[in-house]
Amino acid sequence: MTTTTVSPPRRAARGRENHTVASRPNWFAGLVSLLWMLVVIIPIYWIVITSLKTQSNYYATNPLAPPGEPTLANYQLVIESDFIQYFINSLIVTVGAVVPAVAVSFMAAYAIVRSAGRSRFLRSVNSLFLMGLAIPLQATIIPVYLIIIKLRLYDSLTGMILPSIAFAIPLTVLVLSNFLRDVPKELFESMRIDGATEQSMLWRLALPLTRPAVVTVVIYNALQIWNGFLLPLILTQDPSRRTLPLALWTFQGQYSVNVPAVLASVVLTTLPILLLYVVGRRQILSGLTAGFSK
């Protein structure tokens, strides 16, 4: 009779204790997160407010103080310095490289996933793509430069598009092939029984089911190519062929004293990237996580 009244209260007390420990706030993590947020936000804030100041106001006031009389003269100065032409060049290079790279990679990933077990050639191609991930751009810049010279594509947008396609394909094939492996084989077999061809299964079944992966690699490759600096620097000399990152470097040299104008060019160069990230950040995070889940 005396042994039946001890166990339930202790279990209840232990449960309340565990609930209290689990709900205890982590002040250290919150403090570190706040410090990291300040590290990220303060430079962005300084860039934006400085781009709205005049040159004389920048040197006369506190760097972190907001402008007393905001002005868009710096942005007008940058736009009048062929900024629109550089923007168009970057847009052409990005779209011209992303679209073929994703299309070729999607078809290659489909062939690898559907036929790699039966074709030694496709297994070798898959290994070749994986080797491409281990080769950095900096290690191949001299051969790429010589090839572009031989093809007579130096100082052209095409000369920047072709290497960008080549370096975008390996990672794109890897991500898309991982997504395609998650598609049940029974769906392909059902369409084959109904008389569908491989092309029909590719575009009517595989593409709709892997659309999140396609959006992910499109956004990721667009960000990488838009921010590319080394290829435009090595493969162009004509100022009319410059892309935005290279133009930003020239703005820094052209307006080395006019800090507000330099930062205005930074803001204009970053805006398309920021908008693209805001639109597709969920796709990038969820897509890459799901693609590498295996």
C-alpha atoms as a PDB file:
ATOM      1  CA  MET A   1       0.000   0.000   0.000  1.00  0.00           C
ATOM      2  CA  THR A   2       2.833   2.391   0.719  1.00  0.00           C
ATOM      3  CA  THR A   3       4.665   1.854  -2.598  1.00  0.00           C
ATOM      4  CA  THR A   4       1.945   2.991  -4.981  1.00  0.00           C
ATOM      5  CA  THR A   5       1.904   6.724  -4.165  1.00  0.00           C
ATOM      6  CA  VAL A   6       5.519   7.758  -5.019  1.00  0.00           C
ATOM      7  CA  SER A   7       6.013   7.148  -8.743  1.00  0.00           C
ATOM      8  CA  PRO A   8       3.338   9.364 -10.416  1.00  0.00           C
ATOM      9  CA  PRO A   9       4.266  12.634  -8.639  1.00  0.00           C
ATOM     10  CA  ARG A  10       7.940  12.151  -9.495  1.00  0.00           C
ATOM     11  CA  ARG A  11       7.129  11.569 -13.151  1.00  0.00           C
ATOM     12  CA  ALA A  12       4.992  14.677 -13.247  1.00  0.00           C
ATOM     13  CA  ALA A  13       7.690  16.723 -11.541  1.00  0.00           C
ATOM     14  CA  ARG A  14      10.318  15.400 -13.959  1.00  0.00           C
ATOM     15  CA  GLY A  15       8.090  16.252 -16.907  1.00  0.00           C
ATOM     16  CA  ARG A  16       7.585  19.808 -15.653  1.00  0.00           C
ATOM     17  CA  GLU A  17      11.354  20.153 -15.090  1.00  0.00           C
ATOM     18  CA  ASN A  18      12.159  18.994 -18.633  1.00  0.00           C
ATOM     19  CA  HIS A  19       9.552  21.374 -20.045  1.00  0.00           C
ATOM     20  CA  THR A  20      11.093  24.241 -18.076  1.00  0.00           C
ATOM     21  CA  VAL A  21      14.591  23.427 -19.308  1.00  0.00           C
ATOM     22  CA  ALA A  22      13.421  23.114 -22.929  1.00  0.00           C
ATOM     23  CA  SER A  23      11.626  26.461 -22.874  1.00  0.00           C
ATOM     24  CA  ARG A  24      14.521  28.379 -21.300  1.00  0.00           C
ATOM     25  CA  PRO A  25      15.645  31.170 -23.694  1.00  0.00           C
ATOM     26  CA  ASN A  26      19.147  30.981 -25.160  1.00  0.00           C
ATOM     27  CA  TRP A  27      20.467  34.461 -24.396  1.00  0.00           C
ATOM     28  CA  PHE A  28      23.951  33.740 -25.736  1.00  0.00           C
ATOM     29  CA  ALA A  29      22.664  32.665 -29.158  1.00  0.00           C
ATOM     30  CA  GLY A  30      20.393  35.708 -29.267  1.00  0.00           C
ATOM     31  CA  LEU A  31      23.293  38.038 -28.442  1.00  0.00           C
ATOM     32  CA  VAL A  32      25.518  36.482 -31.100  1.00  0.00           C
ATOM     33  CA  SER A  33      22.707  36.753 -33.656  1.00  0.00           C
ATOM     34  CA  LEU A  34      22.210  40.425 -32.782  1.00  0.00           C
ATOM     35  CA  LEU A  35      25.925  41.153 -33.162  1.00  0.00           C
ATOM     36  CA  TRP A  36      26.024  39.370 -36.509  1.00  0.00           C
ATOM     37  CA  MET A  37      22.968  41.335 -37.690  1.00  0.00           C
ATOM     38  CA  LEU A  38      24.738  44.580 -36.790  1.00  0.00           C
ATOM     39  CA  VAL A  39      27.885  43.465 -38.639  1.00  0.00           C
ATOM     40  CA  VAL A  40      25.801  42.906 -41.774  1.00  0.00           C
ATOM     41  CA  ILE A  41      23.410  45.860 -41.547  1.00  0.00           C
ATOM     42  CA  ILE A  42      25.806  48.671 -40.591  1.00  0.00           C
ATOM     43  CA  PRO A  43      27.939  48.487 -43.800  1.00  0.00           C
ATOM     44  CA  ILE A  44      24.789  48.325 -45.936  1.00  0.00           C
ATOM     45  CA  TYR A  45      23.338  51.303 -44.091  1.00  0.00           C
ATOM     46  CA  TRP A  46      26.592  53.251 -44.552  1.00  0.00           C
ATOM     47  CA  ILE A  47      26.692  52.508 -48.291  1.00  0.00           C
ATOM     48  CA  VAL A  48      23.106  53.625 -48.864  1.00  0.00           C
ATOM     49  CA  ILE A  49      23.244  56.862 -46.864  1.00  0.00           C
ATOM     50  CA  THR A  50      26.656  57.807 -48.264  1.00  0.00           C
ATOM     51  CA  SER A  51      25.408  57.383 -51.836  1.00  0.00           C
ATOM     52  CA  LEU A  52      22.766  60.037 -51.037  1.00  0.00           C
ATOM     53  CA  LYS A  53      25.303  62.617 -49.806  1.00  0.00           C
ATOM     54  CA  THR A  54      27.276  65.193 -51.722  1.00  0.00           C
ATOM     55  CA  GLN A  55      31.033  64.893 -51.791  1.00  0.00           C
ATOM     56  CA  SER A  56      31.528  67.908 -49.512  1.00  0.00           C
ATOM     57  CA  ASN A  57      28.864  66.716 -47.085  1.00  0.00           C
ATOM     58  CA  TYR A  58      30.512  63.297 -46.872  1.00  0.00           C
ATOM     59  CA  TYR A  59      33.817  64.718 -45.608  1.00  0.00           C
ATOM     60  CA  ALA A  60      32.178  67.276 -43.308  1.00  0.00           C
ATOM     61  CA  THR A  61      29.751  65.041 -41.374  1.00  0.00           C
ATOM     62  CA  ASN A  62      29.773  61.867 -39.344  1.00  0.00           C
ATOM     63  CA  PRO A  63      30.028  58.879 -41.740  1.00  0.00           C
ATOM     64  CA  LEU A  64      27.074  57.153 -40.045  1.00  0.00           C
ATOM     65  CA  ALA A  65      24.892  60.260 -39.838  1.00  0.00           C
ATOM     66  CA  PRO A  66      22.005  60.365 -42.334  1.00  0.00           C
ATOM     67  CA  PRO A  67      22.241  63.043 -45.032  1.00  0.00           C
ATOM     68  CA  GLY A  68      20.658  66.358 -44.126  1.00  0.00           C
ATOM     69  CA  GLU A  69      19.670  67.001 -47.747  1.00  0.00           C
ATOM     70  CA  PRO A  70      19.567  63.710 -49.696  1.00  0.00           C
ATOM     71  CA  THR A  71      20.518  63.972 -53.353  1.00  0.00           C
ATOM     72  CA  LEU A  72      20.359  61.649 -56.352  1.00  0.00           C
ATOM     73  CA  ALA A  73      23.135  63.472 -58.193  1.00  0.00           C
ATOM     74  CA  ASN A  74      25.554  60.601 -57.628  1.00  0.00           C
ATOM     75  CA  TYR A  75      23.160  58.132 -59.240  1.00  0.00           C
ATOM     76  CA  GLN A  76      22.666  60.483 -62.169  1.00  0.00           C
ATOM     77  CA  LEU A  77      26.436  60.764 -62.580  1.00  0.00           C
ATOM     78  CA  VAL A  78      26.840  56.973 -62.631  1.00  0.00           C
ATOM     79  CA  ILE A  79      23.962  56.410 -65.047  1.00  0.00           C
ATOM     80  CA  GLU A  80      25.366  59.015 -67.424  1.00  0.00           C
ATOM     81  CA  SER A  81      28.715  57.154 -67.413  1.00  0.00           C
ATOM     82  CA  ASP A  82      27.448  54.333 -69.710  1.00  0.00           C
ATOM     83  CA  PHE A  83      25.967  52.404 -66.811  1.00  0.00           C
ATOM     84  CA  ILE A  84      22.981  51.331 -68.939  1.00  0.00           C
ATOM     85  CA  GLN A  85      25.337  49.790 -71.509  1.00  0.00           C
ATOM     86  CA  TYR A  86      27.157  47.827 -68.814  1.00  0.00           C
ATOM     87  CA  PHE A  87      23.828  46.662 -67.399  1.00  0.00           C
ATOM     88  CA  ILE A  88      22.709  45.403 -70.828  1.00  0.00           C
ATOM     89  CA  ASN A  89      26.032  43.587 -71.300  1.00  0.00           C
ATOM     90  CA  SER A  90      25.643  41.836 -67.950  1.00  0.00           C
ATOM     91  CA  LEU A  91      22.048  40.905 -68.778  1.00  0.00           C
ATOM     92  CA  ILE A  92      23.031  39.449 -72.161  1.00  0.00           C
ATOM     93  CA  VAL A  93      25.901  37.431 -70.684  1.00  0.00           C
ATOM     94  CA  THR A  94      23.786  36.142 -67.791  1.00  0.00           C
ATOM     95  CA  VAL A  95      20.750  35.121 -69.838  1.00  0.00           C
ATOM     96  CA  GLY A  96      22.891  33.828 -72.705  1.00  0.00           C
ATOM     97  CA  ALA A  97      24.823  31.570 -70.343  1.00  0.00           C
ATOM     98  CA  VAL A  98      22.108  30.441 -67.911  1.00  0.00           C
ATOM     99  CA  VAL A  99      19.508  29.315 -70.451  1.00  0.00           C
ATOM    100  CA  PRO A 100      21.780  26.984 -72.493  1.00  0.00           C
ATOM    101  CA  ALA A 101      23.588  25.721 -69.378  1.00  0.00           C
ATOM    102  CA  VAL A 102      20.356  24.722 -67.604  1.00  0.00           C
ATOM    103  CA  ALA A 103      18.806  23.224 -70.751  1.00  0.00           C
ATOM    104  CA  VAL A 104      21.865  21.091 -71.575  1.00  0.00           C
ATOM    105  CA  SER A 105      22.335  20.113 -67.931  1.00  0.00           C
ATOM    106  CA  PHE A 106      18.697  19.042 -67.574  1.00  0.00           C
ATOM    107  CA  MET A 107      18.880  16.767 -70.604  1.00  0.00           C
ATOM    108  CA  ALA A 108      22.247  15.393 -69.492  1.00  0.00           C
ATOM    109  CA  ALA A 109      20.966  14.727 -65.963  1.00  0.00           C
ATOM    110  CA  TYR A 110      17.919  12.922 -67.367  1.00  0.00           C
ATOM    111  CA  ALA A 111      20.097  10.715 -69.568  1.00  0.00           C
ATOM    112  CA  ILE A 112      22.477   9.942 -66.683  1.00  0.00           C
ATOM    113  CA  VAL A 113      19.710   9.023 -64.249  1.00  0.00           C
ATOM    114  CA  ARG A 114      17.634   7.006 -66.724  1.00  0.00           C
ATOM    115  CA  SER A 115      20.449   5.198 -68.552  1.00  0.00           C
ATOM    116  CA  ALA A 116      23.576   5.333 -66.356  1.00  0.00           C
ATOM    117  CA  GLY A 117      23.039   1.756 -65.160  1.00  0.00           C
ATOM    118  CA  ARG A 118      23.022   0.451 -68.736  1.00  0.00           C
ATOM    119  CA  SER A 119      25.581   2.712 -70.422  1.00  0.00           C
ATOM    120  CA  ARG A 120      29.257   2.836 -69.528  1.00  0.00           C
ATOM    121  CA  PHE A 121      29.627   5.979 -71.629  1.00  0.00           C
ATOM    122  CA  LEU A 122      27.062   7.884 -69.547  1.00  0.00           C
ATOM    123  CA  ARG A 123      28.752   6.759 -66.334  1.00  0.00           C
ATOM    124  CA  SER A 124      31.997   8.178 -67.691  1.00  0.00           C
ATOM    125  CA  VAL A 125      30.246  11.423 -68.622  1.00  0.00           C
ATOM    126  CA  ASN A 126      28.841  11.695 -65.105  1.00  0.00           C
ATOM    127  CA  SER A 127      32.323  11.187 -63.645  1.00  0.00           C
ATOM    128  CA  LEU A 128      33.628  13.879 -65.996  1.00  0.00           C
ATOM    129  CA  PHE A 129      31.014  16.331 -64.737  1.00  0.00           C
ATOM    130  CA  LEU A 130      31.949  15.535 -61.133  1.00  0.00           C
ATOM    131  CA  MET A 131      35.619  16.178 -61.955  1.00  0.00           C
ATOM    132  CA  GLY A 132      34.588  19.595 -63.258  1.00  0.00           C
ATOM    133  CA  LEU A 133      33.488  20.560 -59.757  1.00  0.00           C
ATOM    134  CA  ALA A 134      37.044  20.116 -58.500  1.00  0.00           C
ATOM    135  CA  ILE A 135      38.632  22.430 -61.101  1.00  0.00           C
ATOM    136  CA  PRO A 136      38.521  26.122 -60.130  1.00  0.00           C
ATOM    137  CA  LEU A 137      38.143  28.853 -62.710  1.00  0.00           C
ATOM    138  CA  GLN A 138      41.463  30.414 -61.722  1.00  0.00           C
ATOM    139  CA  ALA A 139      43.340  27.224 -62.676  1.00  0.00           C
ATOM    140  CA  THR A 140      41.964  27.240 -66.232  1.00  0.00           C
ATOM    141  CA  ILE A 141      41.958  30.932 -67.050  1.00  0.00           C
ATOM    142  CA  ILE A 142      45.092  30.756 -69.235  1.00  0.00           C
ATOM    143  CA  PRO A 143      43.834  27.831 -71.388  1.00  0.00           C
ATOM    144  CA  VAL A 144      40.435  29.524 -71.651  1.00  0.00           C
ATOM    145  CA  TYR A 145      42.122  32.748 -72.757  1.00  0.00           C
ATOM    146  CA  LEU A 146      44.126  30.917 -75.457  1.00  0.00           C
ATOM    147  CA  ILE A 147      41.050  29.050 -76.715  1.00  0.00           C
ATOM    148  CA  ILE A 148      39.033  32.268 -76.962  1.00  0.00           C
ATOM    149  CA  ILE A 149      41.902  33.877 -78.897  1.00  0.00           C
ATOM    150  CA  LYS A 150      42.039  30.915 -81.299  1.00  0.00           C
ATOM    151  CA  LEU A 151      38.282  31.106 -81.844  1.00  0.00           C
ATOM    152  CA  ARG A 152      38.572  34.852 -82.511  1.00  0.00           C
ATOM    153  CA  LEU A 153      36.025  35.601 -79.823  1.00  0.00           C
ATOM    154  CA  TYR A 154      38.207  37.877 -77.725  1.00  0.00           C
ATOM    155  CA  ASP A 155      36.592  41.165 -76.729  1.00  0.00           C
ATOM    156  CA  SER A 156      33.081  39.858 -77.384  1.00  0.00           C
ATOM    157  CA  LEU A 157      30.139  38.907 -75.220  1.00  0.00           C
ATOM    158  CA  THR A 158      30.121  35.441 -76.799  1.00  0.00           C
ATOM    159  CA  GLY A 159      33.655  34.932 -75.538  1.00  0.00           C
ATOM    160  CA  MET A 160      32.372  35.427 -71.980  1.00  0.00           C
ATOM    161  CA  ILE A 161      29.184  33.388 -72.451  1.00  0.00           C
ATOM    162  CA  LEU A 162      30.817  30.146 -73.613  1.00  0.00           C
ATOM    163  CA  PRO A 163      33.181  29.683 -70.611  1.00  0.00           C
ATOM    164  CA  SER A 164      30.357  30.673 -68.250  1.00  0.00           C
ATOM    165  CA  ILE A 165      28.219  27.878 -69.706  1.00  0.00           C
ATOM    166  CA  ALA A 166      31.029  25.361 -69.293  1.00  0.00           C
ATOM    167  CA  PHE A 167      31.639  26.218 -65.644  1.00  0.00           C
ATOM    168  CA  ALA A 168      27.909  26.254 -64.800  1.00  0.00           C
ATOM    169  CA  ILE A 169      27.159  22.776 -66.179  1.00  0.00           C
ATOM    170  CA  PRO A 170      28.870  20.464 -63.589  1.00  0.00           C
ATOM    171  CA  LEU A 171      27.048  21.715 -60.491  1.00  0.00           C
ATOM    172  CA  THR A 172      23.786  22.066 -62.405  1.00  0.00           C
ATOM    173  CA  VAL A 173      23.958  18.446 -63.584  1.00  0.00           C
ATOM    174  CA  LEU A 174      24.689  17.274 -60.044  1.00  0.00           C
ATOM    175  CA  VAL A 175      21.718  19.105 -58.517  1.00  0.00           C
ATOM    176  CA  LEU A 176      19.266  18.123 -61.260  1.00  0.00           C
ATOM    177  CA  SER A 177      20.344  14.480 -61.301  1.00  0.00           C
ATOM    178  CA  ASN A 178      19.767  14.234 -57.539  1.00  0.00           C
ATOM    179  CA  PHE A 179      16.262  15.588 -58.014  1.00  0.00           C
ATOM    180  CA  LEU A 180      15.521  13.248 -60.916  1.00  0.00           C
ATOM    181  CA  ARG A 181      16.555  10.234 -58.830  1.00  0.00           C
ATOM    182  CA  ASP A 182      13.708  11.093 -56.433  1.00  0.00           C
ATOM    183  CA  VAL A 183      11.104  10.745 -59.193  1.00  0.00           C
ATOM    184  CA  PRO A 184       9.470   7.295 -58.857  1.00  0.00           C
ATOM    185  CA  LYS A 185      10.407   4.944 -61.681  1.00  0.00           C
ATOM    186  CA  GLU A 186       6.821   3.693 -61.802  1.00  0.00           C
ATOM    187  CA  LEU A 187       5.729   7.021 -63.301  1.00  0.00           C
ATOM    188  CA  PHE A 188       8.147   6.618 -66.200  1.00  0.00           C
ATOM    189  CA  GLU A 189       7.074   3.019 -66.715  1.00  0.00           C
ATOM    190  CA  SER A 190       3.413   4.039 -66.771  1.00  0.00           C
ATOM    191  CA  MET A 191       4.061   6.644 -69.450  1.00  0.00           C
ATOM    192  CA  ARG A 192       6.140   4.158 -71.443  1.00  0.00           C
ATOM    193  CA  ILE A 193       3.267   1.635 -71.366  1.00  0.00           C
ATOM    194  CA  ASP A 194       0.970   4.369 -72.659  1.00  0.00           C
ATOM    195  CA  GLY A 195       3.303   4.798 -75.635  1.00  0.00           C
ATOM    196  CA  ALA A 196       5.194   7.929 -74.568  1.00  0.00           C
ATOM    197  CA  THR A 197       8.647   8.540 -76.003  1.00  0.00           C
ATOM    198  CA  GLU A 198      11.715   9.567 -74.007  1.00  0.00           C
ATOM    199  CA  GLN A 199      11.276  13.171 -75.153  1.00  0.00           C
ATOM    200  CA  SER A 200       7.670  13.188 -73.947  1.00  0.00           C
ATOM    201  CA  MET A 201       8.706  11.801 -70.557  1.00  0.00           C
ATOM    202  CA  LEU A 202      11.513  14.348 -70.373  1.00  0.00           C
ATOM    203  CA  TRP A 203       9.377  17.441 -70.963  1.00  0.00           C
ATOM    204  CA  ARG A 204       5.940  16.308 -69.725  1.00  0.00           C
ATOM    205  CA  LEU A 205       6.926  14.326 -66.632  1.00  0.00           C
ATOM    206  CA  ALA A 206      10.483  15.041 -65.502  1.00  0.00           C
ATOM    207  CA  LEU A 207      10.413  18.803 -66.051  1.00  0.00           C
ATOM    208  CA  PRO A 208       7.184  19.562 -64.103  1.00  0.00           C
ATOM    209  CA  LEU A 209       8.241  17.326 -61.199  1.00  0.00           C
ATOM    210  CA  THR A 210      11.704  18.897 -60.960  1.00  0.00           C
ATOM    211  CA  ARG A 211      10.624  22.500 -61.476  1.00  0.00           C
ATOM    212  CA  PRO A 212      11.859  23.589 -57.999  1.00  0.00           C
ATOM    213  CA  ALA A 213      15.306  22.239 -58.859  1.00  0.00           C
ATOM    214  CA  VAL A 214      15.310  24.019 -62.220  1.00  0.00           C
ATOM    215  CA  VAL A 215      14.350  27.316 -60.587  1.00  0.00           C
ATOM    216  CA  THR A 216      17.071  26.785 -57.989  1.00  0.00           C
ATOM    217  CA  VAL A 217      19.886  26.252 -60.488  1.00  0.00           C
ATOM    218  CA  VAL A 218      18.646  29.120 -62.680  1.00  0.00           C
ATOM    219  CA  ILE A 219      18.805  31.572 -59.782  1.00  0.00           C
ATOM    220  CA  TYR A 220      22.090  30.222 -58.444  1.00  0.00           C
ATOM    221  CA  ASN A 221      23.860  30.325 -61.818  1.00  0.00           C
ATOM    222  CA  ALA A 222      22.421  33.760 -62.596  1.00  0.00           C
ATOM    223  CA  LEU A 223      23.889  35.133 -59.362  1.00  0.00           C
ATOM    224  CA  GLN A 224      27.271  33.553 -60.046  1.00  0.00           C
ATOM    225  CA  ILE A 225      27.524  34.816 -63.627  1.00  0.00           C
ATOM    226  CA  TRP A 226      26.150  38.277 -62.798  1.00  0.00           C
ATOM    227  CA  ASN A 227      28.852  38.673 -60.137  1.00  0.00           C
ATOM    228  CA  GLY A 228      31.586  37.230 -62.354  1.00  0.00           C
ATOM    229  CA  PHE A 229      34.688  39.408 -62.500  1.00  0.00           C
ATOM    230  CA  LEU A 230      37.616  37.288 -63.680  1.00  0.00           C
ATOM    231  CA  LEU A 231      36.304  36.291 -67.112  1.00  0.00           C
ATOM    232  CA  PRO A 232      35.293  39.848 -68.147  1.00  0.00           C
ATOM    233  CA  LEU A 233      38.627  41.138 -66.850  1.00  0.00           C
ATOM    234  CA  ILE A 234      40.709  38.637 -68.843  1.00  0.00           C
ATOM    235  CA  LEU A 235      38.598  38.283 -71.993  1.00  0.00           C
ATOM    236  CA  THR A 236      37.738  41.938 -72.738  1.00  0.00           C
ATOM    237  CA  GLN A 237      39.506  45.222 -73.336  1.00  0.00           C
ATOM    238  CA  ASP A 238      36.858  47.257 -75.136  1.00  0.00           C
ATOM    239  CA  PRO A 239      35.010  49.495 -72.623  1.00  0.00           C
ATOM    240  CA  SER A 240      31.753  48.891 -74.511  1.00  0.00           C
ATOM    241  CA  ARG A 241      31.988  45.161 -73.654  1.00  0.00           C
ATOM    242  CA  ARG A 242      32.359  45.607 -69.903  1.00  0.00           C
ATOM    243  CA  THR A 243      29.920  43.995 -67.507  1.00  0.00           C
ATOM    244  CA  LEU A 244      28.748  45.554 -64.253  1.00  0.00           C
ATOM    245  CA  PRO A 245      31.385  44.063 -61.895  1.00  0.00           C
ATOM    246  CA  LEU A 246      34.174  45.205 -64.207  1.00  0.00           C
ATOM    247  CA  ALA A 247      32.505  48.583 -64.679  1.00  0.00           C
ATOM    248  CA  LEU A 248      32.286  48.946 -60.912  1.00  0.00           C
ATOM    249  CA  TRP A 249      36.028  48.441 -60.725  1.00  0.00           C
ATOM    250  CA  THR A 250      36.541  51.167 -63.335  1.00  0.00           C
ATOM    251  CA  PHE A 251      34.164  53.480 -61.441  1.00  0.00           C
ATOM    252  CA  GLN A 252      36.340  53.010 -58.398  1.00  0.00           C
ATOM    253  CA  GLY A 253      39.338  54.168 -60.398  1.00  0.00           C
ATOM    254  CA  GLN A 254      37.458  56.947 -62.159  1.00  0.00           C
ATOM    255  CA  TYR A 255      35.903  58.364 -58.986  1.00  0.00           C
ATOM    256  CA  SER A 256      38.604  57.437 -56.505  1.00  0.00           C
ATOM    257  CA  VAL A 257      38.034  60.668 -54.543  1.00  0.00           C
ATOM    258  CA  ASN A 258      34.280  60.916 -55.051  1.00  0.00           C
ATOM    259  CA  VAL A 259      33.283  58.243 -52.531  1.00  0.00           C
ATOM    260  CA  PRO A 260      29.500  58.892 -52.779  1.00  0.00           C
ATOM    261  CA  ALA A 261      29.603  58.300 -56.552  1.00  0.00           C
ATOM    262  CA  VAL A 262      31.505  55.035 -56.093  1.00  0.00           C
ATOM    263  CA  LEU A 263      28.964  53.832 -53.541  1.00  0.00           C
ATOM    264  CA  ALA A 264      26.088  54.880 -55.802  1.00  0.00           C
ATOM    265  CA  SER A 265      27.507  52.570 -58.468  1.00  0.00           C
ATOM    266  CA  VAL A 266      27.735  49.821 -55.824  1.00  0.00           C
ATOM    267  CA  VAL A 267      24.049  50.254 -54.980  1.00  0.00           C
ATOM    268  CA  LEU A 268      22.950  50.198 -58.630  1.00  0.00           C
ATOM    269  CA  THR A 269      25.066  47.110 -59.314  1.00  0.00           C
ATOM    270  CA  THR A 270      23.700  45.264 -56.284  1.00  0.00           C
ATOM    271  CA  LEU A 271      20.005  46.062 -56.765  1.00  0.00           C
ATOM    272  CA  PRO A 272      19.310  43.392 -59.450  1.00  0.00           C
ATOM    273  CA  ILE A 273      21.109  40.763 -57.359  1.00  0.00           C
ATOM    274  CA  LEU A 274      19.176  41.765 -54.249  1.00  0.00           C
ATOM    275  CA  LEU A 275      15.829  41.637 -56.039  1.00  0.00           C
ATOM    276  CA  LEU A 276      16.634  38.226 -57.531  1.00  0.00           C
ATOM    277  CA  TYR A 277      17.638  36.902 -54.121  1.00  0.00           C
ATOM    278  CA  VAL A 278      14.490  38.249 -52.444  1.00  0.00           C
ATOM    279  CA  VAL A 279      12.325  36.589 -55.097  1.00  0.00           C
ATOM    280  CA  GLY A 280      14.116  33.233 -55.089  1.00  0.00           C
ATOM    281  CA  ARG A 281      15.736  32.773 -51.693  1.00  0.00           C
ATOM    282  CA  ARG A 282      13.222  30.116 -50.642  1.00  0.00           C
ATOM    283  CA  GLN A 283      13.822  28.196 -53.854  1.00  0.00           C
ATOM    284  CA  ILE A 284      17.595  28.375 -53.406  1.00  0.00           C
ATOM    285  CA  LEU A 285      17.555  27.120 -49.805  1.00  0.00           C
ATOM    286  CA  SER A 286      14.919  24.420 -50.200  1.00  0.00           C
ATOM    287  CA  GLY A 287      16.161  23.358 -53.616  1.00  0.00           C
ATOM    288  CA  LEU A 288      19.798  22.895 -52.666  1.00  0.00           C
ATOM    289  CA  THR A 289      18.845  21.134 -49.424  1.00  0.00           C
ATOM    290  CA  ALA A 290      16.555  18.698 -51.199  1.00  0.00           C
ATOM    291  CA  GLY A 291      19.022  18.188 -54.025  1.00  0.00           C
ATOM    292  CA  PHE A 292      21.766  17.035 -51.681  1.00  0.00           C
ATOM    293  CA  SER A 293      19.470  15.116 -49.310  1.00  0.00           C
ATOM    294  CA  LYS A 294      20.809  11.816 -50.543  1.00  0.00           C
END
